[in-house]
Amino acid sequence: MQRGLVHAIAWSLATGAAVTLSWWGVHTVMSGTAYDPPRAVPVSVGVRGGQATDAPVSSSTHRAPPSASPGVTASRTAPAPSPRPSGSPFSRPPAASPSPAKPPAPPAAAGEVKSYPTRGGRVVLELADDSAKLVSATPEPDWSMQVWTNAEWIRVDFSDGAGATVSVFCTWNGHPPMVETVDR
């Protein structure tokens, strides 16, 4: 009887150790791969008309239109209006709003959207005649990113943790926007 009890305790300890070791191994693997944060980071501060704004300039659900190749401008087209179905006998007319309608905001002067790929990541900028706006900045795997914006310039740094840094500078202080890439 005592021998059977010793075997049961030994089996329980061995099973508990195996389950713990398996859970720890799976947890270690999954924490490094399955739950990584997204690589594309929305930029929360933009520059419009030379003034810094707090309005988001990109989002995770809105993407810039694709271009034929890097550095080629992308054109924007308005979606075709969808035909509205005729009213059915069961539909109610929309309720009148109590407040007066706001006049539409004037469209912002759109510039050309250009992509600047580097070994550390990709920077997409919208370049107008006298200003620039950061559309997105996406680091390559195992690279980190830092963004600075000002009324006259934008700087995006990609670093790999081993001392390599790639910087993309866009300046437009009194001249059309110029983009420069520095690889250190």
C-alpha atoms as a PDB file:
ATOM      1  CA  MET A   1       0.000   0.000   0.000  1.00  0.00           C
ATOM      2  CA  GLN A   2       2.772   2.393   0.929  1.00  0.00           C
ATOM      3  CA  ARG A   3       4.627   1.526  -2.278  1.00  0.00           C
ATOM      4  CA  GLY A   4       1.516   2.370  -4.369  1.00  0.00           C
ATOM      5  CA  LEU A   5       1.197   5.719  -2.587  1.00  0.00           C
ATOM      6  CA  VAL A   6       4.856   6.546  -3.313  1.00  0.00           C
ATOM      7  CA  HIS A   7       4.326   5.698  -6.997  1.00  0.00           C
ATOM      8  CA  ALA A   8       1.201   7.898  -7.148  1.00  0.00           C
ATOM      9  CA  ILE A   9       3.026  10.845  -5.562  1.00  0.00           C
ATOM     10  CA  ALA A  10       6.007  10.397  -7.905  1.00  0.00           C
ATOM     11  CA  TRP A  11       3.688  10.199 -10.921  1.00  0.00           C
ATOM     12  CA  SER A  12       1.837  13.372  -9.789  1.00  0.00           C
ATOM     13  CA  LEU A  13       5.080  15.297  -9.309  1.00  0.00           C
ATOM     14  CA  ALA A  14       6.471  14.179 -12.685  1.00  0.00           C
ATOM     15  CA  THR A  15       3.212  15.057 -14.470  1.00  0.00           C
ATOM     16  CA  GLY A  16       3.058  18.470 -12.764  1.00  0.00           C
ATOM     17  CA  ALA A  17       6.675  19.200 -13.723  1.00  0.00           C
ATOM     18  CA  ALA A  18       6.040  18.145 -17.357  1.00  0.00           C
ATOM     19  CA  VAL A  19       2.915  20.321 -17.624  1.00  0.00           C
ATOM     20  CA  THR A  20       4.733  23.292 -16.068  1.00  0.00           C
ATOM     21  CA  LEU A  21       7.725  22.901 -18.383  1.00  0.00           C
ATOM     22  CA  SER A  22       5.459  22.559 -21.441  1.00  0.00           C
ATOM     23  CA  TRP A  23       3.421  25.632 -20.469  1.00  0.00           C
ATOM     24  CA  TRP A  24       6.578  27.660 -19.889  1.00  0.00           C
ATOM     25  CA  GLY A  25       8.009  26.621 -23.299  1.00  0.00           C
ATOM     26  CA  VAL A  26       4.806  27.447 -25.188  1.00  0.00           C
ATOM     27  CA  HIS A  27       4.421  30.728 -23.307  1.00  0.00           C
ATOM     28  CA  THR A  28       8.003  31.734 -24.161  1.00  0.00           C
ATOM     29  CA  VAL A  29       7.558  30.977 -27.867  1.00  0.00           C
ATOM     30  CA  MET A  30       4.131  32.600 -28.146  1.00  0.00           C
ATOM     31  CA  SER A  31       5.090  35.773 -26.285  1.00  0.00           C
ATOM     32  CA  GLY A  32       7.885  36.420 -28.784  1.00  0.00           C
ATOM     33  CA  THR A  33       5.903  35.849 -31.979  1.00  0.00           C
ATOM     34  CA  ALA A  34       2.130  35.784 -31.830  1.00  0.00           C
ATOM     35  CA  TYR A  35       1.475  38.943 -29.866  1.00  0.00           C
ATOM     36  CA  ASP A  36       3.993  41.426 -31.274  1.00  0.00           C
ATOM     37  CA  PRO A  37       2.632  44.971 -31.534  1.00  0.00           C
ATOM     38  CA  PRO A  38       1.900  46.249 -35.055  1.00  0.00           C
ATOM     39  CA  ARG A  39       4.886  47.621 -36.955  1.00  0.00           C
ATOM     40  CA  ALA A  40       3.128  50.602 -38.562  1.00  0.00           C
ATOM     41  CA  VAL A  41       2.720  53.298 -35.941  1.00  0.00           C
ATOM     42  CA  PRO A  42       0.139  56.014 -36.609  1.00  0.00           C
ATOM     43  CA  VAL A  43       1.576  59.485 -36.284  1.00  0.00           C
ATOM     44  CA  SER A  44      -0.397  61.572 -33.808  1.00  0.00           C
ATOM     45  CA  VAL A  45       0.985  65.033 -34.610  1.00  0.00           C
ATOM     46  CA  GLY A  46       0.968  66.530 -38.087  1.00  0.00           C
ATOM     47  CA  VAL A  47       1.848  69.790 -39.770  1.00  0.00           C
ATOM     48  CA  ARG A  48      -0.725  71.546 -41.910  1.00  0.00           C
ATOM     49  CA  GLY A  49      -0.039  74.856 -43.558  1.00  0.00           C
ATOM     50  CA  GLY A  50       3.094  75.402 -41.473  1.00  0.00           C
ATOM     51  CA  GLN A  51       1.172  74.981 -38.186  1.00  0.00           C
ATOM     52  CA  ALA A  52       1.540  71.953 -35.895  1.00  0.00           C
ATOM     53  CA  THR A  53      -1.794  70.222 -35.239  1.00  0.00           C
ATOM     54  CA  ASP A  54      -2.865  67.536 -32.794  1.00  0.00           C
ATOM     55  CA  ALA A  55      -5.164  65.827 -35.300  1.00  0.00           C
ATOM     56  CA  PRO A  56      -4.089  62.337 -36.370  1.00  0.00           C
ATOM     57  CA  VAL A  57      -2.537  62.247 -39.821  1.00  0.00           C
ATOM     58  CA  SER A  58      -2.807  58.513 -40.329  1.00  0.00           C
ATOM     59  CA  SER A  59      -4.684  55.577 -38.933  1.00  0.00           C
ATOM     60  CA  SER A  60      -4.402  51.825 -38.911  1.00  0.00           C
ATOM     61  CA  THR A  61      -7.544  51.508 -41.063  1.00  0.00           C
ATOM     62  CA  HIS A  62      -6.641  54.064 -43.740  1.00  0.00           C
ATOM     63  CA  ARG A  63      -3.801  53.385 -46.116  1.00  0.00           C
ATOM     64  CA  ALA A  64      -2.103  55.608 -48.625  1.00  0.00           C
ATOM     65  CA  PRO A  65      -2.926  54.720 -52.219  1.00  0.00           C
ATOM     66  CA  PRO A  66      -0.380  52.336 -53.771  1.00  0.00           C
ATOM     67  CA  SER A  67       2.168  53.760 -56.168  1.00  0.00           C
ATOM     68  CA  ALA A  68       3.789  52.107 -59.175  1.00  0.00           C
ATOM     69  CA  SER A  69       7.267  52.251 -57.640  1.00  0.00           C
ATOM     70  CA  PRO A  70       8.981  53.970 -54.701  1.00  0.00           C
ATOM     71  CA  GLY A  71       9.235  57.717 -55.146  1.00  0.00           C
ATOM     72  CA  VAL A  72       6.385  57.859 -57.658  1.00  0.00           C
ATOM     73  CA  THR A  73       3.461  60.055 -56.735  1.00  0.00           C
ATOM     74  CA  ALA A  74       0.075  58.507 -56.203  1.00  0.00           C
ATOM     75  CA  SER A  75      -3.087  60.215 -57.363  1.00  0.00           C
ATOM     76  CA  ARG A  76      -6.282  60.200 -55.376  1.00  0.00           C
ATOM     77  CA  THR A  77      -9.616  59.566 -56.987  1.00  0.00           C
ATOM     78  CA  ALA A  78     -13.046  60.025 -55.485  1.00  0.00           C
ATOM     79  CA  PRO A  79     -15.148  56.874 -55.183  1.00  0.00           C
ATOM     80  CA  ALA A  80     -18.035  56.567 -57.594  1.00  0.00           C
ATOM     81  CA  PRO A  81     -21.355  57.514 -56.008  1.00  0.00           C
ATOM     82  CA  SER A  82     -23.460  54.484 -55.201  1.00  0.00           C
ATOM     83  CA  PRO A  83     -27.012  54.434 -56.548  1.00  0.00           C
ATOM     84  CA  ARG A  84     -29.618  54.803 -53.837  1.00  0.00           C
ATOM     85  CA  PRO A  85     -32.534  52.404 -53.850  1.00  0.00           C
ATOM     86  CA  SER A  86     -35.960  53.899 -54.202  1.00  0.00           C
ATOM     87  CA  GLY A  87     -37.935  54.270 -50.987  1.00  0.00           C
ATOM     88  CA  SER A  88     -39.898  51.254 -49.910  1.00  0.00           C
ATOM     89  CA  PRO A  89     -43.400  51.537 -48.433  1.00  0.00           C
ATOM     90  CA  PHE A  90     -41.987  50.410 -45.053  1.00  0.00           C
ATOM     91  CA  SER A  91     -39.216  53.005 -44.774  1.00  0.00           C
ATOM     92  CA  ARG A  92     -39.614  56.219 -42.828  1.00  0.00           C
ATOM     93  CA  PRO A  93     -38.264  59.542 -44.044  1.00  0.00           C
ATOM     94  CA  PRO A  94     -35.183  60.763 -42.143  1.00  0.00           C
ATOM     95  CA  ALA A  95     -35.885  63.012 -39.178  1.00  0.00           C
ATOM     96  CA  ALA A  96     -35.033  66.682 -39.590  1.00  0.00           C
ATOM     97  CA  SER A  97     -32.035  67.783 -37.558  1.00  0.00           C
ATOM     98  CA  PRO A  98     -32.695  70.589 -35.075  1.00  0.00           C
ATOM     99  CA  SER A  99     -29.337  72.315 -35.658  1.00  0.00           C
ATOM    100  CA  PRO A 100     -28.371  74.072 -38.883  1.00  0.00           C
ATOM    101  CA  ALA A 101     -25.933  72.231 -41.160  1.00  0.00           C
ATOM    102  CA  LYS A 102     -22.284  73.241 -40.979  1.00  0.00           C
ATOM    103  CA  PRO A 103     -20.680  74.532 -44.164  1.00  0.00           C
ATOM    104  CA  PRO A 104     -18.188  72.010 -45.567  1.00  0.00           C
ATOM    105  CA  ALA A 105     -14.555  72.597 -44.670  1.00  0.00           C
ATOM    106  CA  PRO A 106     -12.401  73.843 -47.545  1.00  0.00           C
ATOM    107  CA  PRO A 107     -10.299  71.045 -49.028  1.00  0.00           C
ATOM    108  CA  ALA A 108      -6.662  71.056 -47.937  1.00  0.00           C
ATOM    109  CA  ALA A 109      -4.104  71.631 -50.644  1.00  0.00           C
ATOM    110  CA  ALA A 110      -2.993  68.142 -51.538  1.00  0.00           C
ATOM    111  CA  GLY A 111       0.624  67.510 -52.305  1.00  0.00           C
ATOM    112  CA  GLU A 112       2.309  64.567 -53.904  1.00  0.00           C
ATOM    113  CA  VAL A 113       2.782  61.442 -51.814  1.00  0.00           C
ATOM    114  CA  LYS A 114       6.292  59.968 -51.995  1.00  0.00           C
ATOM    115  CA  SER A 115       7.787  56.898 -50.380  1.00  0.00           C
ATOM    116  CA  TYR A 116      11.396  56.769 -49.144  1.00  0.00           C
ATOM    117  CA  PRO A 117      12.567  53.186 -48.468  1.00  0.00           C
ATOM    118  CA  THR A 118      15.722  52.707 -46.366  1.00  0.00           C
ATOM    119  CA  ARG A 119      17.398  49.648 -44.882  1.00  0.00           C
ATOM    120  CA  GLY A 120      15.824  50.537 -41.513  1.00  0.00           C
ATOM    121  CA  GLY A 121      12.283  51.121 -42.739  1.00  0.00           C
ATOM    122  CA  ARG A 122      10.029  53.130 -45.021  1.00  0.00           C
ATOM    123  CA  VAL A 123       8.888  56.747 -44.669  1.00  0.00           C
ATOM    124  CA  VAL A 124       5.936  58.095 -46.657  1.00  0.00           C
ATOM    125  CA  LEU A 125       5.578  61.881 -46.912  1.00  0.00           C
ATOM    126  CA  GLU A 126       3.018  64.167 -48.530  1.00  0.00           C
ATOM    127  CA  LEU A 127       4.996  67.029 -50.058  1.00  0.00           C
ATOM    128  CA  ALA A 128       3.202  70.301 -50.901  1.00  0.00           C
ATOM    129  CA  ASP A 129       4.756  73.473 -52.334  1.00  0.00           C
ATOM    130  CA  ASP A 130       5.610  75.006 -48.940  1.00  0.00           C
ATOM    131  CA  SER A 131       5.059  72.240 -46.378  1.00  0.00           C
ATOM    132  CA  ALA A 132       5.228  68.501 -45.791  1.00  0.00           C
ATOM    133  CA  LYS A 133       3.221  65.992 -43.812  1.00  0.00           C
ATOM    134  CA  LEU A 134       4.257  62.575 -42.502  1.00  0.00           C
ATOM    135  CA  VAL A 135       1.823  59.978 -43.826  1.00  0.00           C
ATOM    136  CA  SER A 136       3.452  56.899 -42.265  1.00  0.00           C
ATOM    137  CA  ALA A 137       6.724  55.488 -40.995  1.00  0.00           C
ATOM    138  CA  THR A 138       7.208  51.730 -40.796  1.00  0.00           C
ATOM    139  CA  PRO A 139      10.360  50.130 -39.338  1.00  0.00           C
ATOM    140  CA  GLU A 140      11.830  46.897 -40.712  1.00  0.00           C
ATOM    141  CA  PRO A 141      11.784  43.816 -38.445  1.00  0.00           C
ATOM    142  CA  ASP A 142      14.151  44.193 -35.446  1.00  0.00           C
ATOM    143  CA  TRP A 143      14.448  47.978 -36.014  1.00  0.00           C
ATOM    144  CA  SER A 144      12.917  50.657 -33.792  1.00  0.00           C
ATOM    145  CA  MET A 145      11.683  54.080 -34.834  1.00  0.00           C
ATOM    146  CA  GLN A 146      11.526  57.591 -33.413  1.00  0.00           C
ATOM    147  CA  VAL A 147       9.708  60.578 -34.983  1.00  0.00           C
ATOM    148  CA  TRP A 148      10.155  64.325 -34.446  1.00  0.00           C
ATOM    149  CA  THR A 149       7.998  67.003 -36.092  1.00  0.00           C
ATOM    150  CA  ASN A 150       8.264  70.767 -36.158  1.00  0.00           C
ATOM    151  CA  ALA A 151       6.682  73.592 -38.153  1.00  0.00           C
ATOM    152  CA  GLU A 152       9.639  73.565 -40.613  1.00  0.00           C
ATOM    153  CA  TRP A 153      10.951  69.979 -40.531  1.00  0.00           C
ATOM    154  CA  ILE A 154      10.254  66.283 -39.906  1.00  0.00           C
ATOM    155  CA  ARG A 155      12.821  63.730 -38.743  1.00  0.00           C
ATOM    156  CA  VAL A 156      12.388  59.944 -38.615  1.00  0.00           C
ATOM    157  CA  ASP A 157      15.143  57.764 -37.116  1.00  0.00           C
ATOM    158  CA  PHE A 158      15.348  53.980 -37.494  1.00  0.00           C
ATOM    159  CA  SER A 159      17.829  52.158 -35.222  1.00  0.00           C
ATOM    160  CA  ASP A 160      18.687  48.467 -34.973  1.00  0.00           C
ATOM    161  CA  GLY A 161      19.982  48.371 -31.395  1.00  0.00           C
ATOM    162  CA  ALA A 162      23.522  47.469 -32.531  1.00  0.00           C
ATOM    163  CA  GLY A 163      24.520  51.074 -33.195  1.00  0.00           C
ATOM    164  CA  ALA A 164      23.269  51.463 -36.781  1.00  0.00           C
ATOM    165  CA  THR A 165      20.935  54.411 -37.390  1.00  0.00           C
ATOM    166  CA  VAL A 166      19.177  55.556 -40.555  1.00  0.00           C
ATOM    167  CA  SER A 167      17.646  59.054 -40.474  1.00  0.00           C
ATOM    168  CA  VAL A 168      15.219  60.621 -42.943  1.00  0.00           C
ATOM    169  CA  PHE A 169      15.060  64.432 -42.777  1.00  0.00           C
ATOM    170  CA  CYS A 170      12.468  66.583 -44.553  1.00  0.00           C
ATOM    171  CA  THR A 171      12.947  70.363 -44.335  1.00  0.00           C
ATOM    172  CA  TRP A 172      10.983  73.239 -45.896  1.00  0.00           C
ATOM    173  CA  ASN A 173      12.000  76.398 -44.021  1.00  0.00           C
ATOM    174  CA  GLY A 174      11.594  79.094 -46.710  1.00  0.00           C
ATOM    175  CA  HIS A 175      12.004  76.639 -49.612  1.00  0.00           C
ATOM    176  CA  PRO A 176      10.109  73.700 -51.108  1.00  0.00           C
ATOM    177  CA  PRO A 177      10.420  70.490 -49.085  1.00  0.00           C
ATOM    178  CA  MET A 178      13.761  68.669 -49.426  1.00  0.00           C
ATOM    179  CA  VAL A 179      14.267  65.095 -48.253  1.00  0.00           C
ATOM    180  CA  GLU A 180      17.672  63.758 -47.168  1.00  0.00           C
ATOM    181  CA  THR A 181      18.579  60.269 -45.950  1.00  0.00           C
ATOM    182  CA  VAL A 182      21.580  59.699 -43.676  1.00  0.00           C
ATOM    183  CA  ASP A 183      22.814  56.143 -42.985  1.00  0.00           C
ATOM    184  CA  ARG A 184      25.176  55.852 -39.965  1.00  0.00           C
END
